[in-house]
Structure formats: C-alpha cells, structure tokens
Amino acid sequence: MKVAAVTGLERLELERLRDRVGRLFAALQEATLTDAPAEPGAWSPPVDVCEAEDAVTVRVELPGMAASQIKVGLTNTQLRICGEKKRNVPRGRAVAHLCSERSYGRFSRTLPLRWTINVTDATAELINGLLVVRLPKRKDRRGAEFKVPIKERDEG
C-alpha cells in the first residue's frame, strides 16, 4: 500500500472537515444533555452561542428576571446557567388567567465548552432581561514550540 502525501490544499480541507465534525459533535453532546427529562415545571430559555477570535459569547433570554434569581457556573468543560422565574401574583386579588403563554418555574441549561476558556476572566451581565456571558479564550499553546534552556556543567 502506497501512502500519499497531503498537499497544502488537502490539508486545509482536512482541517475544515475536522472543525465541522467538532461542531457537530458539540451540538450532539448539547442535544444529549438537554434531552434529559426535565423536572416538573421546568422550562428552557432560548440561548445564542457566538464565537469570535478572542472569546465565546453566550446570550440567554431571561425576561422579567433579576440577577439574584440566576446562577452561572463555569468549569473547563461546561457552562451551566440555572435559576427560577417566579410568577408574581398580586396579593389579595384572585386572578383568573384567560391566556398565559409566558414560562415560569425552574430552568437549567448546560452548554458543553469545546474551547480552552480563561475561566477566571469570564464575565456575566444582565441587561434588560438578556444575560450575556463572555468567555475569553485562552491562547491555545498545544503544538507551539518552546525553547528549553540548556545549562552547561563541567564534570569534575
């Protein structure tokens, strides 16, 4: 069997294919995590994940919620956003809902991270019901070559 050398163009196509497969795998992994049976009363807020060269930004729609009702947890492998949105019922008045399309109750979203994130520099901000989590990327040092200094010693 003859082994063929990979040209520059073929290498570029292989890298693009590897990236596409990685994104597909991450999407499947997230779908597997989110398809777990939800607890009664749970809802799932919509999420956008955007990647830039220096950071990953996650936007979560949480209308009517305060920052104190939301918890954001971050590890090297996943981002977890959870909380509880409570229904405000006026005291002393019986309210009969004719239509109720808004979601209430507990929620939890776990997003797998396939990037090397600088966990200590991550930020989260709630702006008009939109939670924006910024996850700065760490410069990937795999494959980088470092010079190792050599000390010279005389035996003797």
N, C-alpha and C. Protein backbone atom coordinates (compact mmCIF):
# COMPACT_ATOMS: atom_id res chain seq x y z
N MET A 1 0.84 -1.17 0.00
CA MET A 1 0.00 0.00 0.00
C MET A 1 0.89 1.24 0.00
N LYS A 2 0.57 2.16 -0.88
CA LYS A 2 1.36 3.38 -1.01
C LYS A 2 0.70 4.51 -0.22
N VAL A 3 1.48 5.22 0.59
CA VAL A 3 0.97 6.34 1.37
C VAL A 3 1.17 7.61 0.56
N ALA A 4 0.07 8.35 0.35
CA ALA A 4 0.15 9.58 -0.44
C ALA A 4 0.42 10.77 0.48
N ALA A 5 1.22 11.70 -0.01
CA ALA A 5 1.50 12.91 0.76
C ALA A 5 0.32 13.86 0.65
N VAL A 6 0.06 14.60 1.71
CA VAL A 6 -1.05 15.54 1.73
C VAL A 6 -0.53 16.91 1.29
N THR A 7 -1.18 17.50 0.29
CA THR A 7 -0.77 18.83 -0.18
C THR A 7 -1.38 19.89 0.71
N GLY A 8 -0.98 21.13 0.52
CA GLY A 8 -1.47 22.23 1.34
C GLY A 8 -2.97 22.40 1.25
N LEU A 9 -3.54 22.30 0.04
CA LEU A 9 -4.97 22.45 -0.14
C LEU A 9 -5.73 21.31 0.53
N GLU A 10 -5.23 20.10 0.38
CA GLU A 10 -5.87 18.94 1.02
C GLU A 10 -5.81 19.07 2.55
N ARG A 11 -4.70 19.57 3.05
CA ARG A 11 -4.56 19.76 4.50
C ARG A 11 -5.58 20.78 5.00
N LEU A 12 -5.78 21.86 4.25
CA LEU A 12 -6.76 22.87 4.61
C LEU A 12 -8.17 22.27 4.63
N GLU A 13 -8.50 21.47 3.63
CA GLU A 13 -9.81 20.81 3.58
C GLU A 13 -9.97 19.84 4.75
N LEU A 14 -8.91 19.12 5.11
CA LEU A 14 -8.98 18.20 6.25
C LEU A 14 -9.20 18.96 7.55
N GLU A 15 -8.56 20.12 7.70
CA GLU A 15 -8.76 20.93 8.90
C GLU A 15 -10.19 21.45 8.97
N ARG A 16 -10.74 21.88 7.83
CA ARG A 16 -12.13 22.35 7.80
C ARG A 16 -13.09 21.22 8.15
N LEU A 17 -12.83 20.03 7.62
CA LEU A 17 -13.67 18.88 7.93
C LEU A 17 -13.60 18.54 9.42
N ARG A 18 -12.39 18.58 9.97
CA ARG A 18 -12.22 18.31 11.40
C ARG A 18 -13.00 19.32 12.24
N ASP A 19 -12.96 20.60 11.85
CA ASP A 19 -13.71 21.63 12.57
C ASP A 19 -15.21 21.40 12.47
N ARG A 20 -15.69 21.03 11.28
CA ARG A 20 -17.13 20.77 11.11
C ARG A 20 -17.58 19.59 11.95
N VAL A 21 -16.77 18.54 11.96
CA VAL A 21 -17.11 17.35 12.76
C VAL A 21 -17.10 17.72 14.25
N GLY A 22 -16.16 18.56 14.67
CA GLY A 22 -16.10 19.01 16.06
C GLY A 22 -17.34 19.79 16.45
N ARG A 23 -17.80 20.69 15.56
CA ARG A 23 -19.02 21.46 15.84
C ARG A 23 -20.23 20.54 15.90
N LEU A 24 -20.29 19.56 15.00
CA LEU A 24 -21.40 18.61 15.00
C LEU A 24 -21.40 17.80 16.29
N PHE A 25 -20.22 17.34 16.71
CA PHE A 25 -20.12 16.57 17.94
C PHE A 25 -20.57 17.40 19.14
N ALA A 26 -20.16 18.69 19.19
CA ALA A 26 -20.57 19.56 20.29
C ALA A 26 -22.08 19.76 20.29
N ALA A 27 -22.68 19.92 19.11
CA ALA A 27 -24.13 20.08 19.02
C ALA A 27 -24.85 18.82 19.48
N LEU A 28 -24.33 17.66 19.10
CA LEU A 28 -24.94 16.40 19.53
C LEU A 28 -24.80 16.22 21.04
N GLN A 29 -23.65 16.60 21.57
CA GLN A 29 -23.43 16.49 23.01
C GLN A 29 -24.39 17.40 23.77
N GLU A 30 -24.60 18.63 23.28
CA GLU A 30 -25.54 19.55 23.92
C GLU A 30 -26.96 19.01 23.83
N ALA A 31 -27.33 18.46 22.67
CA ALA A 31 -28.67 17.90 22.50
C ALA A 31 -28.89 16.74 23.46
N THR A 32 -27.87 15.94 23.66
CA THR A 32 -27.98 14.81 24.59
C THR A 32 -28.19 15.31 26.01
N LEU A 33 -27.46 16.37 26.39
CA LEU A 33 -27.61 16.92 27.73
C LEU A 33 -28.97 17.57 27.92
N THR A 34 -29.47 18.27 26.89
CA THR A 34 -30.73 18.98 27.04
C THR A 34 -31.93 18.06 26.86
N ASP A 35 -31.75 16.87 26.29
CA ASP A 35 -32.86 15.95 26.12
C ASP A 35 -33.14 15.13 27.37
N ALA A 36 -32.36 15.36 28.43
CA ALA A 36 -32.61 14.66 29.69
C ALA A 36 -33.99 15.08 30.18
N PRO A 37 -34.71 14.16 30.82
CA PRO A 37 -36.05 14.52 31.26
C PRO A 37 -36.03 15.70 32.22
N ALA A 38 -36.83 16.69 31.91
CA ALA A 38 -36.87 17.89 32.74
C ALA A 38 -37.74 17.64 33.96
N GLU A 39 -37.39 18.33 35.03
CA GLU A 39 -38.20 18.19 36.23
C GLU A 39 -39.51 18.93 36.02
N PRO A 40 -40.56 18.56 36.74
CA PRO A 40 -41.86 19.19 36.55
C PRO A 40 -41.78 20.71 36.75
N GLY A 41 -42.40 21.45 35.86
CA GLY A 41 -42.40 22.91 35.94
C GLY A 41 -41.17 23.56 35.33
N ALA A 42 -40.23 22.77 34.80
CA ALA A 42 -39.01 23.33 34.24
C ALA A 42 -39.28 23.89 32.84
N TRP A 43 -38.55 24.90 32.47
CA TRP A 43 -38.62 25.46 31.12
C TRP A 43 -37.22 25.71 30.65
N SER A 44 -37.06 25.99 29.39
CA SER A 44 -35.73 26.14 28.82
C SER A 44 -35.65 27.46 28.05
N PRO A 45 -34.93 28.45 28.59
CA PRO A 45 -34.82 29.73 27.90
C PRO A 45 -33.97 29.61 26.63
N PRO A 46 -34.29 30.40 25.60
CA PRO A 46 -33.50 30.35 24.36
C PRO A 46 -32.09 30.89 24.57
N VAL A 47 -31.13 30.25 23.89
CA VAL A 47 -29.71 30.57 24.05
C VAL A 47 -29.08 30.78 22.68
N ASP A 48 -28.22 31.80 22.57
CA ASP A 48 -27.36 32.00 21.40
C ASP A 48 -25.92 31.85 21.86
N VAL A 49 -25.12 31.12 21.10
CA VAL A 49 -23.68 30.98 21.38
C VAL A 49 -22.94 31.50 20.16
N CYS A 50 -22.09 32.51 20.36
CA CYS A 50 -21.35 33.13 19.27
C CYS A 50 -19.85 33.04 19.57
N GLU A 51 -19.09 32.74 18.53
CA GLU A 51 -17.64 32.62 18.70
C GLU A 51 -16.93 33.72 17.92
N ALA A 52 -16.04 34.42 18.59
CA ALA A 52 -15.15 35.39 17.96
C ALA A 52 -13.73 34.85 18.11
N GLU A 53 -12.78 35.57 17.59
CA GLU A 53 -11.40 35.10 17.64
C GLU A 53 -10.87 35.03 19.07
N ASP A 54 -11.31 35.98 19.92
CA ASP A 54 -10.75 36.07 21.28
C ASP A 54 -11.70 35.60 22.38
N ALA A 55 -12.99 35.35 22.06
CA ALA A 55 -13.94 35.00 23.11
C ALA A 55 -15.16 34.27 22.55
N VAL A 56 -15.86 33.61 23.44
CA VAL A 56 -17.15 32.99 23.14
C VAL A 56 -18.18 33.76 23.95
N THR A 57 -19.27 34.17 23.31
CA THR A 57 -20.31 34.92 23.99
C THR A 57 -21.59 34.10 23.99
N VAL A 58 -22.20 33.99 25.16
CA VAL A 58 -23.45 33.25 25.31
C VAL A 58 -24.51 34.26 25.74
N ARG A 59 -25.62 34.30 24.99
CA ARG A 59 -26.73 35.19 25.32
C ARG A 59 -27.95 34.34 25.64
N VAL A 60 -28.58 34.63 26.77
CA VAL A 60 -29.74 33.87 27.24
C VAL A 60 -30.89 34.83 27.51
N GLU A 61 -32.05 34.57 26.91
CA GLU A 61 -33.22 35.41 27.14
C GLU A 61 -33.87 35.02 28.47
N LEU A 62 -33.87 35.97 29.41
CA LEU A 62 -34.46 35.76 30.73
C LEU A 62 -35.30 36.97 31.11
N PRO A 63 -36.36 37.26 30.36
CA PRO A 63 -37.16 38.46 30.63
C PRO A 63 -37.83 38.39 32.00
N GLY A 64 -37.85 39.54 32.67
CA GLY A 64 -38.52 39.63 33.95
C GLY A 64 -37.75 39.05 35.12
N MET A 65 -36.50 38.65 34.91
CA MET A 65 -35.72 38.05 35.99
C MET A 65 -34.68 39.04 36.50
N ALA A 66 -34.35 38.87 37.78
CA ALA A 66 -33.29 39.67 38.41
C ALA A 66 -32.04 38.81 38.50
N ALA A 67 -30.90 39.45 38.59
CA ALA A 67 -29.62 38.73 38.68
C ALA A 67 -29.60 37.79 39.89
N SER A 68 -30.30 38.15 40.96
CA SER A 68 -30.32 37.32 42.16
C SER A 68 -31.06 36.00 41.95
N GLN A 69 -31.86 35.89 40.89
CA GLN A 69 -32.60 34.67 40.60
C GLN A 69 -31.84 33.72 39.68
N ILE A 70 -30.64 34.12 39.25
CA ILE A 70 -29.88 33.37 38.25
C ILE A 70 -28.54 32.93 38.84
N LYS A 71 -28.13 31.71 38.53
CA LYS A 71 -26.81 31.22 38.92
C LYS A 71 -26.06 30.81 37.65
N VAL A 72 -24.81 31.23 37.57
CA VAL A 72 -23.95 30.87 36.44
C VAL A 72 -22.75 30.12 37.00
N GLY A 73 -22.55 28.89 36.55
CA GLY A 73 -21.40 28.08 36.97
C GLY A 73 -20.55 27.73 35.76
N LEU A 74 -19.26 27.77 35.93
CA LEU A 74 -18.34 27.55 34.81
C LEU A 74 -17.22 26.62 35.23
N THR A 75 -16.97 25.61 34.42
CA THR A 75 -15.80 24.74 34.59
C THR A 75 -15.03 24.78 33.27
N ASN A 76 -13.97 24.01 33.20
CA ASN A 76 -13.19 23.95 31.95
C ASN A 76 -13.96 23.28 30.83
N THR A 77 -14.99 22.50 31.16
CA THR A 77 -15.69 21.73 30.13
C THR A 77 -17.13 22.14 29.89
N GLN A 78 -17.73 22.94 30.80
CA GLN A 78 -19.12 23.30 30.59
C GLN A 78 -19.52 24.59 31.29
N LEU A 79 -20.58 25.21 30.75
CA LEU A 79 -21.19 26.39 31.33
C LEU A 79 -22.60 25.99 31.75
N ARG A 80 -22.96 26.27 32.99
CA ARG A 80 -24.29 25.92 33.49
C ARG A 80 -24.99 27.18 33.97
N ILE A 81 -26.18 27.43 33.42
CA ILE A 81 -26.98 28.57 33.80
C ILE A 81 -28.30 28.03 34.33
N CYS A 82 -28.65 28.40 35.56
CA CYS A 82 -29.89 27.89 36.13
C CYS A 82 -30.52 28.95 37.02
N GLY A 83 -31.77 28.71 37.38
CA GLY A 83 -32.47 29.64 38.24
C GLY A 83 -33.94 29.31 38.30
N GLU A 84 -34.71 30.26 38.81
CA GLU A 84 -36.15 30.07 38.90
C GLU A 84 -36.84 31.39 38.66
N LYS A 85 -37.79 31.36 37.73
CA LYS A 85 -38.59 32.54 37.42
C LYS A 85 -39.95 32.34 38.08
N LYS A 86 -40.26 33.20 39.04
CA LYS A 86 -41.50 33.06 39.79
C LYS A 86 -42.58 33.96 39.22
N ARG A 87 -43.81 33.45 39.29
CA ARG A 87 -44.96 34.21 38.83
C ARG A 87 -45.35 35.20 39.92
N ASN A 88 -45.49 36.47 39.56
CA ASN A 88 -45.91 37.50 40.51
C ASN A 88 -47.43 37.58 40.51
N VAL A 89 -48.03 37.20 41.61
CA VAL A 89 -49.48 37.26 41.74
C VAL A 89 -49.80 38.38 42.72
N PRO A 90 -50.62 39.34 42.32
CA PRO A 90 -50.98 40.43 43.23
C PRO A 90 -51.67 39.88 44.48
N ARG A 91 -51.30 40.41 45.64
CA ARG A 91 -51.89 39.94 46.90
C ARG A 91 -53.33 40.44 47.04
N GLY A 92 -54.13 39.58 47.63
CA GLY A 92 -55.49 39.97 47.95
C GLY A 92 -56.46 39.93 46.79
N ARG A 93 -55.96 39.56 45.60
CA ARG A 93 -56.87 39.51 44.45
C ARG A 93 -56.77 38.15 43.81
N ALA A 94 -57.90 37.58 43.50
CA ALA A 94 -57.92 36.33 42.75
C ALA A 94 -57.77 36.68 41.28
N VAL A 95 -56.84 36.04 40.62
CA VAL A 95 -56.59 36.34 39.22
C VAL A 95 -56.93 35.10 38.39
N ALA A 96 -57.79 35.29 37.43
CA ALA A 96 -58.12 34.20 36.51
C ALA A 96 -57.43 34.50 35.19
N HIS A 97 -56.49 33.65 34.80
CA HIS A 97 -55.77 33.85 33.54
C HIS A 97 -56.62 33.38 32.38
N LEU A 98 -56.85 34.24 31.43
CA LEU A 98 -57.57 33.86 30.22
C LEU A 98 -56.61 33.28 29.20
N CYS A 99 -55.37 33.72 29.29
CA CYS A 99 -54.33 33.22 28.40
C CYS A 99 -53.00 33.43 29.12
N SER A 100 -52.16 32.41 29.15
CA SER A 100 -50.85 32.53 29.79
C SER A 100 -49.83 31.78 28.93
N GLU A 101 -49.01 32.53 28.19
CA GLU A 101 -48.03 31.93 27.30
C GLU A 101 -46.60 32.10 27.81
N ARG A 102 -46.42 32.86 28.85
CA ARG A 102 -45.08 33.07 29.39
C ARG A 102 -44.69 31.89 30.24
N SER A 103 -43.39 31.62 30.29
CA SER A 103 -42.88 30.47 31.04
C SER A 103 -42.42 30.89 32.43
N TYR A 104 -42.71 30.02 33.41
CA TYR A 104 -42.30 30.24 34.78
C TYR A 104 -41.74 28.94 35.33
N GLY A 105 -41.08 29.02 36.45
CA GLY A 105 -40.56 27.84 37.11
C GLY A 105 -39.05 27.75 37.02
N ARG A 106 -38.55 26.59 37.35
CA ARG A 106 -37.10 26.37 37.34
C ARG A 106 -36.61 26.11 35.93
N PHE A 107 -35.37 26.50 35.70
CA PHE A 107 -34.73 26.21 34.41
C PHE A 107 -33.27 25.88 34.65
N SER A 108 -32.71 25.16 33.72
CA SER A 108 -31.28 24.84 33.77
C SER A 108 -30.81 24.57 32.36
N ARG A 109 -29.75 25.23 31.95
CA ARG A 109 -29.13 25.00 30.65
C ARG A 109 -27.66 24.68 30.89
N THR A 110 -27.20 23.58 30.33
CA THR A 110 -25.79 23.21 30.42
C THR A 110 -25.24 23.17 29.01
N LEU A 111 -24.21 23.97 28.78
CA LEU A 111 -23.59 24.05 27.46
C LEU A 111 -22.19 23.48 27.53
N PRO A 112 -21.89 22.46 26.74
CA PRO A 112 -20.52 21.94 26.72
C PRO A 112 -19.59 22.95 26.05
N LEU A 113 -18.39 23.07 26.58
CA LEU A 113 -17.40 24.00 26.03
C LEU A 113 -16.31 23.21 25.32
N ARG A 114 -16.12 23.49 24.05
CA ARG A 114 -15.07 22.80 23.31
C ARG A 114 -13.88 23.72 23.05
N TRP A 115 -13.90 24.86 23.71
CA TRP A 115 -12.82 25.82 23.60
C TRP A 115 -12.03 25.82 24.89
N THR A 116 -10.79 26.27 24.81
CA THR A 116 -9.99 26.45 26.01
C THR A 116 -10.31 27.83 26.54
N ILE A 117 -11.04 27.88 27.64
CA ILE A 117 -11.57 29.13 28.19
C ILE A 117 -10.72 29.59 29.37
N ASN A 118 -10.52 30.91 29.46
CA ASN A 118 -9.87 31.50 30.62
C ASN A 118 -10.96 31.71 31.68
N VAL A 119 -11.18 30.73 32.52
CA VAL A 119 -12.29 30.68 33.46
C VAL A 119 -12.27 31.88 34.42
N THR A 120 -11.12 32.30 34.86
CA THR A 120 -11.03 33.37 35.86
C THR A 120 -11.41 34.74 35.30
N ASP A 121 -11.36 34.92 33.99
CA ASP A 121 -11.69 36.22 33.38
C ASP A 121 -13.09 36.27 32.78
N ALA A 122 -13.89 35.24 32.98
CA ALA A 122 -15.25 35.21 32.45
C ALA A 122 -16.11 36.26 33.15
N THR A 123 -17.06 36.83 32.41
CA THR A 123 -17.97 37.83 32.99
C THR A 123 -19.41 37.49 32.61
N ALA A 124 -20.34 37.95 33.43
CA ALA A 124 -21.77 37.79 33.14
C ALA A 124 -22.47 39.10 33.49
N GLU A 125 -23.41 39.51 32.63
CA GLU A 125 -24.12 40.76 32.83
C GLU A 125 -25.57 40.59 32.38
N LEU A 126 -26.50 41.07 33.19
CA LEU A 126 -27.92 41.00 32.86
C LEU A 126 -28.36 42.39 32.42
N ILE A 127 -28.77 42.50 31.14
CA ILE A 127 -29.15 43.79 30.57
C ILE A 127 -30.56 43.66 29.99
N ASN A 128 -31.53 44.30 30.63
CA ASN A 128 -32.92 44.28 30.14
C ASN A 128 -33.42 42.88 29.83
N GLY A 129 -33.18 41.93 30.72
CA GLY A 129 -33.68 40.57 30.54
C GLY A 129 -32.83 39.70 29.64
N LEU A 130 -31.67 40.19 29.20
CA LEU A 130 -30.77 39.40 28.37
C LEU A 130 -29.48 39.16 29.15
N LEU A 131 -29.23 37.90 29.50
CA LEU A 131 -27.99 37.54 30.20
C LEU A 131 -26.90 37.35 29.16
N VAL A 132 -25.81 38.10 29.30
CA VAL A 132 -24.68 38.00 28.37
C VAL A 132 -23.48 37.48 29.16
N VAL A 133 -23.02 36.29 28.80
CA VAL A 133 -21.86 35.68 29.44
C VAL A 133 -20.71 35.72 28.44
N ARG A 134 -19.61 36.35 28.83
CA ARG A 134 -18.44 36.44 27.94
C ARG A 134 -17.36 35.52 28.48
N LEU A 135 -16.93 34.60 27.62
CA LEU A 135 -15.92 33.62 28.00
C LEU A 135 -14.67 33.85 27.16
N PRO A 136 -13.67 34.55 27.70
CA PRO A 136 -12.46 34.80 26.92
C PRO A 136 -11.71 33.50 26.65
N LYS A 137 -11.23 33.38 25.43
CA LYS A 137 -10.47 32.18 25.06
C LYS A 137 -9.05 32.31 25.56
N ARG A 138 -8.50 31.18 25.90
CA ARG A 138 -7.07 31.11 26.22
C ARG A 138 -6.34 30.82 24.93
N LYS A 139 -5.22 31.44 24.78
CA LYS A 139 -4.43 31.15 23.60
C LYS A 139 -3.99 29.69 23.68
N ASP A 140 -4.36 28.93 22.67
CA ASP A 140 -4.05 27.50 22.66
C ASP A 140 -2.56 27.33 22.42
N ARG A 141 -1.90 26.69 23.37
CA ARG A 141 -0.45 26.56 23.28
C ARG A 141 -0.04 25.17 22.81
N ARG A 142 -1.03 24.32 22.53
CA ARG A 142 -0.67 22.99 22.04
C ARG A 142 -0.03 23.12 20.66
N GLY A 143 1.01 22.41 20.46
CA GLY A 143 1.68 22.44 19.17
C GLY A 143 2.71 23.56 19.06
N ALA A 144 2.70 24.48 20.01
CA ALA A 144 3.68 25.56 19.98
C ALA A 144 5.02 25.02 20.49
N GLU A 145 6.06 25.51 19.90
CA GLU A 145 7.38 25.03 20.30
C GLU A 145 8.02 26.04 21.24
N PHE A 146 8.50 25.54 22.36
CA PHE A 146 9.18 26.38 23.34
C PHE A 146 10.65 25.99 23.38
N LYS A 147 11.50 27.00 23.54
CA LYS A 147 12.92 26.72 23.66
C LYS A 147 13.22 26.36 25.11
N VAL A 148 13.90 25.28 25.28
CA VAL A 148 14.29 24.83 26.62
C VAL A 148 15.77 25.19 26.80
N PRO A 149 16.06 26.03 27.81
CA PRO A 149 17.46 26.41 28.01
C PRO A 149 18.30 25.21 28.47
N ILE A 150 19.50 25.17 28.00
CA ILE A 150 20.42 24.08 28.36
C ILE A 150 21.51 24.67 29.24
N LYS A 151 21.64 24.10 30.43
CA LYS A 151 22.70 24.53 31.34
C LYS A 151 23.91 23.65 31.05
N GLU A 152 25.05 24.28 31.02
CA GLU A 152 26.27 23.52 30.80
C GLU A 152 27.02 23.40 32.11
N ARG A 153 27.39 22.17 32.43
CA ARG A 153 28.12 21.91 33.68
C ARG A 153 29.41 21.20 33.35
N ASP A 154 30.43 21.52 34.10
CA ASP A 154 31.70 20.82 33.96
C ASP A 154 31.70 19.68 34.95
N GLU A 155 32.04 18.50 34.48
CA GLU A 155 32.19 17.33 35.37
C GLU A 155 33.56 17.47 36.01
N GLY A 156 33.59 17.36 37.25
CA GLY A 156 34.93 17.43 37.79
C GLY A 156 35.06 17.71 39.19
